[in-house]
PDB file of N, CA and C in Angstrom:
ATOM      1  N   MET A   1     -83.665  20.754 -66.961  1.00  0.00           N
ATOM      2  CA  MET A   1     -84.397  21.272 -65.816  1.00  0.00           C
ATOM      3  C   MET A   1     -84.595  22.766 -66.011  1.00  0.00           C
ATOM      4  N   LYS A   2     -85.840  23.217 -65.810  1.00  0.00           N
ATOM      5  CA  LYS A   2     -86.111  24.648 -65.910  1.00  0.00           C
ATOM      6  C   LYS A   2     -85.643  25.310 -64.631  1.00  0.00           C
ATOM      7  N   THR A   3     -84.646  26.133 -64.747  1.00  0.00           N
ATOM      8  CA  THR A   3     -84.078  26.731 -63.549  1.00  0.00           C
ATOM      9  C   THR A   3     -84.825  27.974 -63.102  1.00  0.00           C
ATOM     10  N   ASP A   4     -85.456  28.696 -64.026  1.00  0.00           N
ATOM     11  CA  ASP A   4     -86.116  29.937 -63.646  1.00  0.00           C
ATOM     12  C   ASP A   4     -87.312  29.693 -62.724  1.00  0.00           C
ATOM     13  N   SER A   5     -88.194  28.775 -63.092  1.00  0.00           N
ATOM     14  CA  SER A   5     -89.393  28.562 -62.293  1.00  0.00           C
ATOM     15  C   SER A   5     -89.129  27.661 -61.095  1.00  0.00           C
ATOM     16  N   VAL A   6     -88.096  26.836 -61.162  1.00  0.00           N
ATOM     17  CA  VAL A   6     -87.837  25.890 -60.086  1.00  0.00           C
ATOM     18  C   VAL A   6     -86.956  26.501 -59.006  1.00  0.00           C
ATOM     19  N   ASN A   7     -86.012  27.341 -59.363  1.00  0.00           N
ATOM     20  CA  ASN A   7     -85.031  27.853 -58.407  1.00  0.00           C
ATOM     21  C   ASN A   7     -85.523  29.034 -57.585  1.00  0.00           C
ATOM     22  N   LYS A   8     -86.616  29.661 -57.973  1.00  0.00           N
ATOM     23  CA  LYS A   8     -87.072  30.851 -57.262  1.00  0.00           C
ATOM     24  C   LYS A   8     -88.415  30.602 -56.626  1.00  0.00           C
ATOM     25  N   ARG A   9     -88.568  31.145 -55.438  1.00  0.00           N
ATOM     26  CA  ARG A   9     -89.810  30.989 -54.698  1.00  0.00           C
ATOM     27  C   ARG A   9     -90.165  32.350 -54.109  1.00  0.00           C
ATOM     28  N   VAL A  10     -91.386  32.780 -54.289  1.00  0.00           N
ATOM     29  CA  VAL A  10     -91.816  34.093 -53.835  1.00  0.00           C
ATOM     30  C   VAL A  10     -92.034  34.069 -52.332  1.00  0.00           C
ATOM     31  N   GLY A  11     -91.486  35.051 -51.623  1.00  0.00           N
ATOM     32  CA  GLY A  11     -91.728  35.206 -50.203  1.00  0.00           C
ATOM     33  C   GLY A  11     -90.873  34.349 -49.302  1.00  0.00           C
ATOM     34  N   GLN A  12     -89.985  33.562 -49.837  1.00  0.00           N
ATOM     35  CA  GLN A  12     -89.161  32.683 -49.017  1.00  0.00           C
ATOM     36  C   GLN A  12     -87.669  32.979 -49.179  1.00  0.00           C
ATOM     37  N   GLY A  13     -87.326  34.152 -49.626  1.00  0.00           N
ATOM     38  CA  GLY A  13     -85.928  34.494 -49.805  1.00  0.00           C
ATOM     39  C   GLY A  13     -85.376  34.049 -51.143  1.00  0.00           C
ATOM     40  N   GLY A  14     -86.161  33.332 -51.931  1.00  0.00           N
ATOM     41  CA  GLY A  14     -85.747  32.952 -53.271  1.00  0.00           C
ATOM     42  C   GLY A  14     -84.917  31.693 -53.357  1.00  0.00           C
ATOM     43  N   TYR A  15     -84.406  31.149 -52.243  1.00  0.00           N
ATOM     44  CA  TYR A  15     -83.546  29.972 -52.304  1.00  0.00           C
ATOM     45  C   TYR A  15     -84.366  28.689 -52.296  1.00  0.00           C
ATOM     46  N   VAL A  16     -84.038  27.780 -53.187  1.00  0.00           N
ATOM     47  CA  VAL A  16     -84.643  26.452 -53.213  1.00  0.00           C
ATOM     48  C   VAL A  16     -83.503  25.448 -53.303  1.00  0.00           C
ATOM     49  N   SER A  17     -83.454  24.537 -52.362  1.00  0.00           N
ATOM     50  CA  SER A  17     -82.370  23.560 -52.322  1.00  0.00           C
ATOM     51  C   SER A  17     -82.445  22.610 -53.513  1.00  0.00           C
ATOM     52  N   GLU A  18     -81.340  21.902 -53.766  1.00  0.00           N
ATOM     53  CA  GLU A  18     -81.313  20.942 -54.865  1.00  0.00           C
ATOM     54  C   GLU A  18     -82.325  19.823 -54.629  1.00  0.00           C
ATOM     55  N   TYR A  19     -82.477  19.433 -53.387  1.00  0.00           N
ATOM     56  CA  TYR A  19     -83.441  18.378 -53.053  1.00  0.00           C
ATOM     57  C   TYR A  19     -84.865  18.832 -53.369  1.00  0.00           C
ATOM     58  N   GLU A  20     -85.199  20.053 -52.984  1.00  0.00           N
ATOM     59  CA  GLU A  20     -86.539  20.565 -53.257  1.00  0.00           C
ATOM     60  C   GLU A  20     -86.753  20.777 -54.754  1.00  0.00           C
ATOM     61  N   GLN A  21     -85.713  21.167 -55.460  1.00  0.00           N
ATOM     62  CA  GLN A  21     -85.823  21.290 -56.913  1.00  0.00           C
ATOM     63  C   GLN A  21     -86.145  19.940 -57.531  1.00  0.00           C
ATOM     64  N   PHE A  22     -85.438  18.905 -57.064  1.00  0.00           N
ATOM     65  CA  PHE A  22     -85.693  17.559 -57.570  1.00  0.00           C
ATOM     66  C   PHE A  22     -87.137  17.135 -57.296  1.00  0.00           C
ATOM     67  N   LEU A  23     -87.602  17.364 -56.056  1.00  0.00           N
ATOM     68  CA  LEU A  23     -88.967  16.978 -55.715  1.00  0.00           C
ATOM     69  C   LEU A  23     -89.996  17.734 -56.549  1.00  0.00           C
ATOM     70  N   ASN A  24     -89.768  19.018 -56.760  1.00  0.00           N
ATOM     71  CA  ASN A  24     -90.711  19.810 -57.566  1.00  0.00           C
ATOM     72  C   ASN A  24     -90.804  19.274 -58.987  1.00  0.00           C
ATOM     73  N   VAL A  25     -89.665  18.971 -59.587  1.00  0.00           N
ATOM     74  CA  VAL A  25     -89.650  18.441 -60.956  1.00  0.00           C
ATOM     75  C   VAL A  25     -90.275  17.040 -60.980  1.00  0.00           C
ATOM     76  N   PHE A  26     -89.912  16.213 -60.000  1.00  0.00           N
ATOM     77  CA  PHE A  26     -90.438  14.848 -59.928  1.00  0.00           C
ATOM     78  C   PHE A  26     -91.962  14.847 -59.802  1.00  0.00           C
ATOM     79  N   LEU A  27     -92.494  15.663 -58.891  1.00  0.00           N
ATOM     80  CA  LEU A  27     -93.938  15.699 -58.685  1.00  0.00           C
ATOM     81  C   LEU A  27     -94.674  16.334 -59.862  1.00  0.00           C
ATOM     82  N   ALA A  28     -94.034  17.286 -60.528  1.00  0.00           N
ATOM     83  CA  ALA A  28     -94.660  17.904 -61.699  1.00  0.00           C
ATOM     84  C   ALA A  28     -94.746  16.908 -62.858  1.00  0.00           C
ATOM     85  N   SER A  29     -93.761  16.019 -62.968  1.00  0.00           N
ATOM     86  CA  SER A  29     -93.763  15.064 -64.072  1.00  0.00           C
ATOM     87  C   SER A  29     -94.567  13.804 -63.761  1.00  0.00           C
ATOM     88  N   ARG A  30     -94.897  13.572 -62.490  1.00  0.00           N
ATOM     89  CA  ARG A  30     -95.640  12.372 -62.098  1.00  0.00           C
ATOM     90  C   ARG A  30     -96.805  12.748 -61.169  1.00  0.00           C
ATOM     91  N   PRO A  31     -97.921  13.227 -61.720  1.00  0.00           N
ATOM     92  CA  PRO A  31     -99.059  13.642 -60.887  1.00  0.00           C
ATOM     93  C   PRO A  31     -99.714  12.480 -60.134  1.00  0.00           C
ATOM     94  N   GLU A  32     -99.482  11.254 -60.579  1.00  0.00           N
ATOM     95  CA  GLU A  32    -100.078  10.110 -59.884  1.00  0.00           C
ATOM     96  C   GLU A  32     -99.487   9.919 -58.492  1.00  0.00           C
ATOM     97  N   VAL A  33     -98.300  10.453 -58.246  1.00  0.00           N
ATOM     98  CA  VAL A  33     -97.690  10.356 -56.920  1.00  0.00           C
ATOM     99  C   VAL A  33     -98.502  11.161 -55.912  1.00  0.00           C
ATOM    100  N   ARG A  34     -98.937  12.352 -56.287  1.00  0.00           N
ATOM    101  CA  ARG A  34     -99.772  13.166 -55.396  1.00  0.00           C
ATOM    102  C   ARG A  34    -101.093  12.463 -55.099  1.00  0.00           C
ATOM    103  N   ALA A  35    -101.678  11.853 -56.124  1.00  0.00           N
ATOM    104  CA  ALA A  35    -102.937  11.136 -55.923  1.00  0.00           C
ATOM    105  C   ALA A  35    -102.733   9.952 -54.974  1.00  0.00           C
ATOM    106  N   ASP A  36    -101.617   9.264 -55.100  1.00  0.00           N
ATOM    107  CA  ASP A  36    -101.319   8.147 -54.223  1.00  0.00           C
ATOM    108  C   ASP A  36    -101.065   8.625 -52.792  1.00  0.00           C
ATOM    109  N   GLN A  37    -100.395   9.767 -52.639  1.00  0.00           N
ATOM    110  CA  GLN A  37    -100.188  10.344 -51.316  1.00  0.00           C
ATOM    111  C   GLN A  37    -101.526  10.681 -50.664  1.00  0.00           C
ATOM    112  N   LYS A  38    -102.432  11.269 -51.436  1.00  0.00           N
ATOM    113  CA  LYS A  38    -103.745  11.622 -50.891  1.00  0.00           C
ATOM    114  C   LYS A  38    -104.530  10.380 -50.498  1.00  0.00           C
ATOM    115  N   ARG A  39    -104.448   9.340 -51.316  1.00  0.00           N
ATOM    116  CA  ARG A  39    -105.147   8.092 -51.001  1.00  0.00           C
ATOM    117  C   ARG A  39    -104.605   7.508 -49.693  1.00  0.00           C
ATOM    118  N   GLY A  40    -103.292   7.520 -49.512  1.00  0.00           N
ATOM    119  CA  GLY A  40    -102.704   7.031 -48.271  1.00  0.00           C
ATOM    120  C   GLY A  40    -103.102   7.881 -47.078  1.00  0.00           C
ATOM    121  N   TRP A  41    -103.149   9.183 -47.259  1.00  0.00           N
ATOM    122  CA  TRP A  41    -103.565  10.081 -46.179  1.00  0.00           C
ATOM    123  C   TRP A  41    -105.013   9.784 -45.773  1.00  0.00           C
ATOM    124  N   ASP A  42    -105.874   9.583 -46.770  1.00  0.00           N
ATOM    125  CA  ASP A  42    -107.280   9.287 -46.488  1.00  0.00           C
ATOM    126  C   ASP A  42    -107.433   7.974 -45.735  1.00  0.00           C
ATOM    127  N   ILE A  43    -106.605   6.986 -46.054  1.00  0.00           N
ATOM    128  CA  ILE A  43    -106.698   5.689 -45.386  1.00  0.00           C
ATOM    129  C   ILE A  43    -106.344   5.820 -43.914  1.00  0.00           C
ATOM    130  N   TRP A  44    -105.255   6.537 -43.611  1.00  0.00           N
ATOM    131  CA  TRP A  44    -104.759   6.551 -42.233  1.00  0.00           C
ATOM    132  C   TRP A  44    -105.331   7.659 -41.373  1.00  0.00           C
ATOM    133  N   TRP A  45    -105.696   8.804 -41.942  1.00  0.00           N
ATOM    134  CA  TRP A  45    -106.049   9.954 -41.109  1.00  0.00           C
ATOM    135  C   TRP A  45    -107.466  10.446 -41.294  1.00  0.00           C
ATOM    136  N   ASP A  46    -107.989  10.451 -42.484  1.00  0.00           N
ATOM    137  CA  ASP A  46    -109.292  11.062 -42.749  1.00  0.00           C
ATOM    138  C   ASP A  46    -110.407  10.028 -42.846  1.00  0.00           C
ATOM    139  N   HIS A  47    -110.453   9.105 -41.918  1.00  0.00           N
ATOM    140  CA  HIS A  47    -111.501   8.100 -41.957  1.00  0.00           C
ATOM    141  C   HIS A  47    -112.589   8.432 -40.938  1.00  0.00           C
ATOM    142  N   GLN A  48    -113.757   7.875 -41.151  1.00  0.00           N
ATOM    143  CA  GLN A  48    -114.889   8.118 -40.268  1.00  0.00           C
ATOM    144  C   GLN A  48    -114.744   7.266 -39.007  1.00  0.00           C
ATOM    145  N   VAL A  49    -115.050   7.844 -37.858  1.00  0.00           N
ATOM    146  CA  VAL A  49    -114.992   7.132 -36.591  1.00  0.00           C
ATOM    147  C   VAL A  49    -116.420   6.911 -36.111  1.00  0.00           C
ATOM    148  N   ASP A  50    -116.719   5.669 -35.764  1.00  0.00           N
ATOM    149  CA  ASP A  50    -118.051   5.320 -35.274  1.00  0.00           C
ATOM    150  C   ASP A  50    -118.072   5.538 -33.767  1.00  0.00           C
ATOM    151  N   SER A  51    -118.867   6.495 -33.309  1.00  0.00           N
ATOM    152  CA  SER A  51    -118.895   6.828 -31.880  1.00  0.00           C
ATOM    153  C   SER A  51    -119.502   5.709 -31.039  1.00  0.00           C
ATOM    154  N   THR A  52    -120.362   4.879 -31.616  1.00  0.00           N
ATOM    155  CA  THR A  52    -120.917   3.746 -30.859  1.00  0.00           C
ATOM    156  C   THR A  52    -119.859   2.688 -30.598  1.00  0.00           C
ATOM    157  N   ASP A  53    -118.852   2.620 -31.432  1.00  0.00           N
ATOM    158  CA  ASP A  53    -117.758   1.673 -31.224  1.00  0.00           C
ATOM    159  C   ASP A  53    -116.818   2.154 -30.118  1.00  0.00           C
ATOM    160  N   LEU A  54    -116.737   3.450 -29.905  1.00  0.00           N
ATOM    161  CA  LEU A  54    -115.836   3.998 -28.893  1.00  0.00           C
ATOM    162  C   LEU A  54    -116.377   3.861 -27.473  1.00  0.00           C
ATOM    163  N   GLU A  55    -117.684   3.806 -27.315  1.00  0.00           N
ATOM    164  CA  GLU A  55    -118.287   3.763 -25.980  1.00  0.00           C
ATOM    165  C   GLU A  55    -117.851   2.539 -25.173  1.00  0.00           C
ATOM    166  N   PRO A  56    -117.894   1.325 -25.721  1.00  0.00           N
ATOM    167  CA  PRO A  56    -117.423   0.175 -24.928  1.00  0.00           C
ATOM    168  C   PRO A  56    -115.948   0.288 -24.546  1.00  0.00           C
ATOM    169  N   ARG A  57    -115.163   0.897 -25.380  1.00  0.00           N
ATOM    170  CA  ARG A  57    -113.739   1.066 -25.063  1.00  0.00           C
ATOM    171  C   ARG A  57    -113.553   2.023 -23.892  1.00  0.00           C
ATOM    172  N   ARG A  58    -114.370   3.042 -23.831  1.00  0.00           N
ATOM    173  CA  ARG A  58    -114.282   3.978 -22.707  1.00  0.00           C
ATOM    174  C   ARG A  58    -114.681   3.298 -21.401  1.00  0.00           C
ATOM    175  N   ASN A  59    -115.665   2.422 -21.469  1.00  0.00           N
ATOM    176  CA  ASN A  59    -116.122   1.721 -20.274  1.00  0.00           C
ATOM    177  C   ASN A  59    -115.129   0.656 -19.808  1.00  0.00           C
ATOM    178  N   ASP A  60    -114.268   0.184 -20.687  1.00  0.00           N
ATOM    179  CA  ASP A  60    -113.290  -0.839 -20.334  1.00  0.00           C
ATOM    180  C   ASP A  60    -112.044  -0.272 -19.670  1.00  0.00           C
ATOM    181  N   ASP A  61    -111.901   1.025 -19.640  1.00  0.00           N
ATOM    182  CA  ASP A  61    -110.720   1.632 -19.037  1.00  0.00           C
ATOM    183  C   ASP A  61    -110.660   1.326 -17.543  1.00  0.00           C
ATOM    184  N   VAL A  62    -109.470   1.037 -17.051  1.00  0.00           N
ATOM    185  CA  VAL A  62    -109.248   0.782 -15.636  1.00  0.00           C
ATOM    186  C   VAL A  62    -108.588   2.025 -15.054  1.00  0.00           C
ATOM    187  N   SER A  63    -109.193   2.587 -14.028  1.00  0.00           N
ATOM    188  CA  SER A  63    -108.621   3.801 -13.452  1.00  0.00           C
ATOM    189  C   SER A  63    -107.381   3.443 -12.656  1.00  0.00           C
ATOM    190  N   GLU A  64    -106.402   4.336 -12.692  1.00  0.00           N
ATOM    191  CA  GLU A  64    -105.149   4.141 -11.966  1.00  0.00           C
ATOM    192  C   GLU A  64    -105.031   5.202 -10.889  1.00  0.00           C
ATOM    193  N   LYS A  65    -104.261   4.889  -9.880  1.00  0.00           N
ATOM    194  CA  LYS A  65    -103.977   5.877  -8.847  1.00  0.00           C
ATOM    195  C   LYS A  65    -103.108   6.952  -9.458  1.00  0.00           C
ATOM    196  N   PRO A  66    -103.227   8.199  -8.991  1.00  0.00           N
ATOM    197  CA  PRO A  66    -102.418   9.267  -9.564  1.00  0.00           C
ATOM    198  C   PRO A  66    -100.922   9.030  -9.367  1.00  0.00           C
ATOM    199  N   TYR A  67    -100.555   8.388  -8.257  1.00  0.00           N
ATOM    200  CA  TYR A  67     -99.144   8.091  -8.016  1.00  0.00           C
ATOM    201  C   TYR A  67     -99.062   6.603  -7.736  1.00  0.00           C
ATOM    202  N   LYS A  68     -98.387   5.848  -8.570  1.00  0.00           N
ATOM    203  CA  LYS A  68     -98.411   4.404  -8.528  1.00  0.00           C
ATOM    204  C   LYS A  68     -97.742   3.799  -7.287  1.00  0.00           C
ATOM    205  N   TYR A  69     -96.806   4.512  -6.671  1.00  0.00           N
ATOM    206  CA  TYR A  69     -95.992   3.902  -5.638  1.00  0.00           C
ATOM    207  C   TYR A  69     -96.472   4.250  -4.228  1.00  0.00           C
ATOM    208  N   GLN A  70     -97.738   4.461  -4.034  1.00  0.00           N
ATOM    209  CA  GLN A  70     -98.258   4.721  -2.695  1.00  0.00           C
ATOM    210  C   GLN A  70     -99.056   3.552  -2.208  1.00  0.00           C
TER     211      GLN A  70
END
């Protein structure tokens, strides 16, 4: 393990935990993990939303009283 580049971080006090050192080395040796993370992020968060599909859902909402027990 390269300790010079892994153990020091600019602007953060210089301390890097053993766990973060492991992750840095792991991700540097396996770039496909980052690509897989991005693919998963795109599936769950960065997808296109069809606004015409949302309109019927808005119309189906049932309004509630502000205080249920009155």
